[in-house]
Protein backbone atom coordinates (compact mmCIF):
# COMPACT_ATOMS: atom_id res chain seq x y z
CA MET A 1 6.38 -23.88 30.74
CA LYS A 2 9.95 -22.83 29.98
CA ILE A 3 11.65 -20.75 32.67
CA TYR A 4 14.62 -18.73 31.44
CA ASP A 5 17.51 -17.57 33.59
CA VAL A 6 17.24 -14.15 31.96
CA LEU A 7 15.11 -12.42 29.36
CA ILE A 8 16.57 -9.42 27.56
CA VAL A 9 14.11 -6.85 26.26
CA GLY A 10 15.55 -5.07 23.24
CA ALA A 11 17.54 -6.45 20.29
CA GLY A 12 19.69 -3.40 19.65
CA PRO A 13 23.50 -3.61 19.87
CA CYS A 14 23.39 -3.46 23.69
CA GLY A 15 20.66 -6.07 23.97
CA LEU A 16 22.53 -8.35 21.58
CA SER A 17 25.70 -7.82 23.65
CA CYS A 18 23.75 -8.98 26.70
CA GLY A 19 22.60 -12.06 24.79
CA ILE A 20 26.17 -12.88 23.81
CA GLU A 21 27.37 -12.49 27.39
CA ALA A 22 24.47 -14.57 28.76
CA GLN A 23 25.47 -17.32 26.35
CA ARG A 24 29.09 -17.08 27.47
CA GLN A 25 28.03 -17.35 31.10
CA GLY A 26 26.03 -20.50 30.36
CA LEU A 27 22.68 -18.88 31.13
CA THR A 28 19.42 -19.78 29.43
CA TYR A 29 18.14 -16.64 27.77
CA ALA A 30 16.10 -15.05 25.01
CA VAL A 31 16.27 -11.59 23.47
CA LEU A 32 12.84 -10.10 22.78
CA ASP A 33 12.17 -7.15 20.50
CA LYS A 34 8.93 -5.64 19.27
CA GLY A 35 10.58 -4.97 15.91
CA SER A 36 13.38 -6.49 13.91
CA ILE A 37 17.03 -7.00 14.86
CA THR A 38 18.53 -3.55 15.60
CA GLU A 39 15.18 -1.97 14.71
CA SER A 40 16.33 1.51 15.69
CA ILE A 41 19.24 1.39 13.26
CA ARG A 42 16.93 0.10 10.54
CA ARG A 43 14.83 3.23 11.01
CA TYR A 44 17.79 5.58 10.64
CA PRO A 45 17.99 7.68 7.45
CA VAL A 46 18.78 5.46 4.49
CA ASP A 47 22.15 7.05 3.68
CA MET A 48 23.27 7.72 7.25
CA SER A 49 26.84 7.07 8.42
CA PHE A 50 27.81 6.54 12.05
CA PHE A 51 29.77 9.04 14.09
CA SER A 52 31.99 6.22 15.39
CA SER A 53 34.39 3.90 13.63
CA ALA A 54 33.43 0.30 12.91
CA ASP A 55 35.69 -1.00 15.69
CA ASN A 56 33.89 1.08 18.29
CA ILE A 57 30.42 -0.24 17.48
CA ALA A 58 31.50 -3.87 17.00
CA ILE A 59 30.15 -6.33 19.59
CA GLY A 60 31.02 -9.78 20.85
CA ASP A 61 34.66 -9.55 19.68
CA VAL A 62 33.42 -10.07 16.12
CA PRO A 63 35.42 -7.86 13.70
CA PHE A 64 33.44 -5.22 11.83
CA THR A 65 35.01 -4.15 8.55
CA SER A 66 33.77 -1.12 6.66
CA LEU A 67 34.65 0.44 3.31
CA ASN A 68 34.94 3.83 5.00
CA LEU A 69 36.22 5.27 8.27
CA ARG A 70 32.63 5.62 9.49
CA PRO A 71 30.38 2.67 8.66
CA SER A 72 27.06 3.18 6.92
CA ARG A 73 23.64 2.21 8.18
CA VAL A 74 23.46 -0.67 5.70
CA GLU A 75 26.87 -2.00 6.73
CA ALA A 76 25.80 -1.93 10.39
CA LEU A 77 22.50 -3.70 9.68
CA LYS A 78 24.32 -6.49 7.84
CA TYR A 79 27.01 -6.72 10.51
CA TYR A 80 24.64 -7.10 13.48
CA ARG A 81 22.63 -9.76 11.64
CA LYS A 82 25.83 -11.67 10.97
CA VAL A 83 26.67 -11.44 14.67
CA VAL A 84 23.28 -12.95 15.53
CA ASP A 85 23.97 -15.79 13.09
CA HIS A 86 27.56 -16.23 14.32
CA PHE A 87 26.45 -16.82 17.91
CA ASN A 88 23.12 -18.38 16.93
CA LEU A 89 21.52 -15.97 19.38
CA ASN A 90 18.04 -16.81 20.64
CA VAL A 91 16.28 -13.70 19.35
CA HIS A 92 12.48 -13.44 19.25
CA ILE A 93 11.61 -10.60 16.87
CA PHE A 94 8.25 -8.82 16.63
CA THR A 95 7.60 -9.78 20.24
CA GLU A 96 6.40 -6.74 22.16
CA VAL A 97 6.56 -6.82 25.95
CA LYS A 98 3.36 -5.27 27.26
CA ASP A 99 3.91 -5.75 30.99
CA ILE A 100 6.22 -7.34 33.54
CA GLU A 101 4.83 -8.81 36.76
CA GLN A 102 6.20 -10.98 39.55
CA SER A 103 4.81 -14.32 40.64
CA ASP A 104 6.28 -17.00 42.92
CA GLY A 105 9.79 -15.62 42.66
CA LEU A 106 9.67 -15.31 38.87
CA PHE A 107 9.09 -12.49 36.44
CA VAL A 108 6.17 -12.95 34.08
CA LEU A 109 6.40 -11.06 30.79
CA GLN A 110 3.16 -10.55 28.91
CA THR A 111 3.80 -10.11 25.20
CA ASN A 112 1.83 -10.02 21.97
CA GLN A 113 3.24 -13.50 21.29
CA GLY A 114 2.27 -15.04 24.62
CA THR A 115 3.66 -15.28 28.14
CA TYR A 116 7.31 -15.71 29.11
CA TRP A 117 8.69 -16.69 32.53
CA THR A 118 12.17 -15.81 33.74
CA LYS A 119 14.29 -15.46 36.86
CA LYS A 120 15.90 -12.17 35.79
CA VAL A 121 15.14 -9.39 33.31
CA VAL A 122 17.37 -6.95 31.43
CA LEU A 123 15.75 -3.85 29.93
CA ALA A 124 17.83 -2.66 26.97
CA ILE A 125 15.02 -0.72 25.31
CA GLY A 126 16.90 2.42 24.27
CA TYR A 127 15.07 5.68 23.64
CA TYR A 128 14.40 5.85 19.91
CA ASP A 129 10.79 4.65 19.97
CA ILE A 130 9.13 7.78 21.31
CA PRO A 131 9.73 11.10 19.49
CA ARG A 132 9.78 14.27 21.51
CA GLU A 133 6.77 16.48 20.95
CA LEU A 134 6.43 20.24 20.67
CA GLY A 135 3.02 20.30 22.34
CA VAL A 136 1.51 22.52 19.65
CA PRO A 137 -1.64 22.17 17.53
CA GLY A 138 -1.17 20.24 14.31
CA GLU A 139 1.98 18.27 15.12
CA ASN A 140 0.14 15.00 14.55
CA LEU A 141 -0.93 15.86 11.01
CA SER A 142 0.03 13.34 8.31
CA HIS A 143 2.68 15.56 6.69
CA VAL A 144 4.59 15.98 9.98
CA ILE A 145 7.52 13.55 10.12
CA HIS A 146 9.57 12.39 13.13
CA TYR A 147 11.76 9.79 11.40
CA TYR A 148 13.62 10.96 8.30
CA ASP A 149 14.12 8.34 5.62
CA GLU A 150 15.39 9.73 2.30
CA PRO A 151 14.94 12.91 0.28
CA TYR A 152 13.46 11.80 -3.03
CA ARG A 153 9.82 11.92 -2.03
CA TYR A 154 10.15 15.61 -1.17
CA THR A 155 11.92 17.02 -4.26
CA GLY A 156 10.24 20.22 -5.46
CA THR A 157 8.41 20.86 -2.18
CA ASN A 158 8.73 23.32 0.69
CA ALA A 159 10.02 21.68 3.88
CA VAL A 160 10.45 23.07 7.37
CA VAL A 161 13.03 21.27 9.51
CA VAL A 162 12.70 21.88 13.26
CA GLY A 163 15.79 21.37 15.42
CA GLY A 164 19.50 22.16 15.46
CA ALA A 165 21.36 18.98 16.35
CA ASN A 166 22.68 16.14 14.18
CA SER A 167 19.36 14.85 12.88
CA ALA A 168 18.12 18.30 11.91
CA VAL A 169 21.41 19.32 10.28
CA GLU A 170 21.74 16.13 8.25
CA THR A 171 18.06 16.22 7.23
CA ALA A 172 18.28 19.85 6.09
CA LEU A 173 21.42 19.21 4.03
CA ASP A 174 20.10 16.04 2.43
CA LEU A 175 16.82 17.69 1.48
CA TYR A 176 18.58 20.77 0.08
CA ARG A 177 20.88 18.67 -2.10
CA ASN A 178 17.91 16.90 -3.61
CA GLY A 179 15.89 19.85 -4.78
CA VAL A 180 13.87 20.73 -1.70
CA ASN A 181 13.26 24.30 -0.56
CA VAL A 182 14.41 24.02 3.06
CA THR A 183 13.80 26.27 6.07
CA LEU A 184 15.41 25.50 9.44
CA VAL A 185 13.72 26.56 12.69
CA HIS A 186 15.51 26.25 16.04
CA ILE A 187 14.78 27.61 19.51
CA PHE A 188 18.44 28.43 20.19
CA ASP A 189 20.64 31.07 18.58
CA GLY A 190 22.59 28.69 16.37
CA ILE A 191 23.39 25.10 15.46
CA ASP A 192 23.90 22.91 18.51
CA LYS A 193 27.51 22.53 19.67
CA THR A 194 26.98 18.76 19.89
CA ALA A 195 26.39 18.46 16.13
CA LYS A 196 29.00 16.50 14.15
CA TYR A 197 31.91 18.85 13.54
CA TRP A 198 32.38 17.82 9.91
CA ILE A 199 28.80 18.65 8.83
CA VAL A 200 28.30 21.95 10.66
CA PRO A 201 30.45 24.08 8.27
CA ASP A 202 28.49 22.66 5.34
CA LEU A 203 25.17 23.86 6.73
CA GLU A 204 26.66 27.17 7.87
CA ASN A 205 27.79 27.82 4.29
CA ARG A 206 24.33 26.99 2.98
CA LEU A 207 22.83 29.43 5.45
CA LYS A 208 25.28 32.21 4.53
CA LYS A 209 24.50 31.80 0.85
CA GLY A 210 20.76 31.75 1.49
CA GLU A 211 20.47 28.29 0.00
CA VAL A 212 18.81 27.15 3.23
CA GLN A 213 16.68 29.65 5.12
CA SER A 214 16.89 29.78 8.90
CA TYR A 215 15.00 31.16 11.87
CA PHE A 216 16.98 30.83 15.09
CA ASN A 217 15.69 31.88 18.52
CA SER A 218 12.29 30.84 17.20
CA GLU A 219 9.66 28.38 18.37
CA VAL A 220 6.87 26.68 16.48
CA THR A 221 3.45 27.69 17.77
CA GLU A 222 1.18 25.84 15.34
CA ILE A 223 1.28 23.55 12.31
CA THR A 224 -1.45 23.62 9.68
CA GLN A 225 -1.88 21.71 6.43
CA GLU A 226 0.02 24.40 4.51
CA GLU A 227 2.03 26.43 7.04
CA VAL A 228 4.18 26.41 10.12
CA LYS A 229 3.57 29.34 12.45
CA ILE A 230 6.58 30.50 14.46
CA LYS A 231 7.40 33.14 17.04
CA ASN A 232 10.75 34.86 17.63
CA LEU A 233 11.64 34.37 21.30
CA GLN A 234 13.52 37.67 21.47
CA THR A 235 11.19 40.05 19.65
CA GLY A 236 7.89 38.23 19.93
CA GLU A 237 7.39 38.65 16.17
CA THR A 238 5.26 35.94 14.52
CA GLN A 239 5.53 34.53 11.03
CA SER A 240 3.98 31.86 8.85
CA LEU A 241 6.24 29.60 6.77
CA SER A 242 4.96 27.68 3.76
CA ALA A 243 5.37 23.95 4.38
CA ASP A 244 4.35 20.92 2.36
CA PHE A 245 6.25 18.76 4.86
CA VAL A 246 7.45 19.36 8.41
CA PHE A 247 10.36 17.41 9.91
CA LEU A 248 10.41 17.48 13.71
CA MET A 249 14.04 16.49 14.28
CA ILE A 250 14.02 17.35 17.98
CA GLY A 251 15.05 14.03 19.46
CA TYR A 252 13.54 11.07 21.25
CA HIS A 253 13.14 9.87 24.82
CA PRO A 254 12.84 6.62 26.81
CA ASP A 255 9.49 5.00 27.48
CA ALA A 256 9.01 6.44 30.97
CA LYS A 257 5.41 5.23 31.08
CA PHE A 258 6.45 1.62 30.59
CA LEU A 259 9.34 1.87 33.06
CA ARG A 260 7.09 3.31 35.74
CA LYS A 261 4.47 0.66 35.03
CA VAL A 262 7.11 -1.98 35.65
CA GLY A 263 8.11 -0.20 38.87
CA VAL A 264 11.46 1.32 37.95
CA ARG A 265 12.08 4.56 39.84
CA LEU A 266 12.98 7.54 37.65
CA ASN A 267 14.80 10.38 39.38
CA GLY A 268 14.79 14.11 38.67
CA GLU A 269 13.71 16.07 35.62
CA MET A 270 15.99 13.96 33.44
CA LEU A 271 14.13 10.79 34.53
CA ILE A 272 17.33 8.89 35.32
CA PRO A 273 16.52 5.28 36.27
CA GLU A 274 17.65 4.24 39.73
CA ILE A 275 20.32 1.57 39.29
CA ASN A 276 23.35 0.10 41.02
CA SER A 277 26.25 1.67 39.12
CA ASP A 278 28.35 -1.51 39.43
CA THR A 279 25.81 -4.17 38.47
CA PHE A 280 23.16 -2.10 36.65
CA GLU A 281 20.42 -3.69 38.75
CA SER A 282 17.45 -1.37 39.19
CA ASN A 283 15.52 -0.59 42.37
CA ILE A 284 13.56 -3.78 41.62
CA PRO A 285 15.77 -6.75 42.54
CA GLY A 286 16.16 -8.93 39.48
CA ILE A 287 15.44 -6.26 36.88
CA TYR A 288 18.57 -4.84 35.26
CA MET A 289 18.97 -2.00 32.78
CA GLY A 290 21.56 -1.69 30.03
CA GLY A 291 22.46 0.62 27.19
CA SER A 292 21.16 4.10 26.50
CA VAL A 293 17.96 3.68 28.53
CA ILE A 294 19.94 4.26 31.73
CA GLY A 295 20.67 7.82 30.61
CA GLY A 296 17.03 8.86 30.88
CA GLU A 297 16.45 12.14 29.07
CA GLU A 298 20.22 12.66 28.84
CA THR A 299 20.31 10.76 25.58
CA LYS A 300 23.76 11.97 24.54
CA LYS A 301 25.59 10.17 27.35
CA ILE A 302 25.21 6.51 26.45
CA PHE A 303 25.98 5.22 22.96
CA ILE A 304 26.71 1.83 21.42
CA GLU A 305 30.39 2.32 22.28
CA ASN A 306 29.87 2.46 26.05
CA GLY A 307 26.43 0.87 26.32
CA LYS A 308 27.67 -2.47 25.01
CA LEU A 309 30.06 -2.62 27.97
CA HIS A 310 27.14 -2.98 30.39
CA ALA A 311 26.56 -6.57 29.26
CA GLN A 312 29.44 -8.20 31.10
CA PRO A 313 28.84 -6.81 34.62
CA ILE A 314 25.09 -7.43 34.25
CA MET A 315 25.47 -11.08 33.30
CA GLN A 316 28.23 -11.72 35.80
CA ASP A 317 25.99 -10.42 38.59
CA ILE A 318 23.05 -12.47 37.34
CA LYS A 319 25.22 -15.60 37.14
CA GLN A 320 26.51 -15.05 40.68
CA LYS A 321 23.07 -14.44 42.18
CA LEU A 322 21.53 -17.43 40.46
CA SER A 323 24.41 -19.58 41.71
CA GLU A 324 23.88 -18.28 45.24
CA ARG A 325 20.16 -19.08 44.96
CA VAL A 326 20.94 -22.66 43.95
CA ALA A 327 23.41 -23.02 46.82
CA SER A 328 20.96 -21.67 49.36
CA ASN A 329 18.28 -24.12 48.20
CA ALA A 330 20.62 -27.10 48.32
């Protein structure tokens, strides 16, 4: 059986950065992902552009050139695949890690593609896999959508978009511009302050002109095949909105169930993983965490720009500890 120095779970930009750094440190490694390379980015809206510049989301000192100030989803997908080819990274796609156990000083990873053994583990699993839920009847119906793709399927229909941050704003605008009758529902009294500053005025103008309907200070209480039922949080008034499609653009969160199963301690209501802030090692010696997963429910704190920087201290610590293990056994 092959025993790796380190296995990296997650082939997003941060996981790939860890693979690059492991290679630079001379460690044997593999990057495992249950989807494709940068699967989360692949699932972004088709015409999405990044908030950051190309330089800020580049990894491995490989230049990222873009036609625009903010690179598109397609440009990023092509770039990260070229990075994998450039470094000939050992990436195992469509390999889902089901469990991580310990045996005889090693970590044993059970996957849908078989068993892997390793001395160290890095969890760079992000938070995009599990959509937040409203906890209301009907949110699992087939016309309720958590991942927006493109507008053309929905032209000529009535759509309710739930949320008020970037995803909701961009979804509402894209639908509106492609012939969809859009209604925005948000629990707060306006668009979130964290929304991209250059798109907010656009939606505000659509709202003022009545081109997009809005219900702020309102919560969804039920979703049926034809309607979304809402309640105003200030007045208690209830309404039913006609909806052929419902877009729940209310965010995503880390896989707390998996992390707890592995044994990682999650602290507070925000479920912040317990880690060493210098080395990113978790409460379980030998299991490290990198990228946005370390932010827990505070998903707006760690991005590609700062998450990719976790790779170097993680791999340097792993290299040092493996060297010390060899020396102690000599």
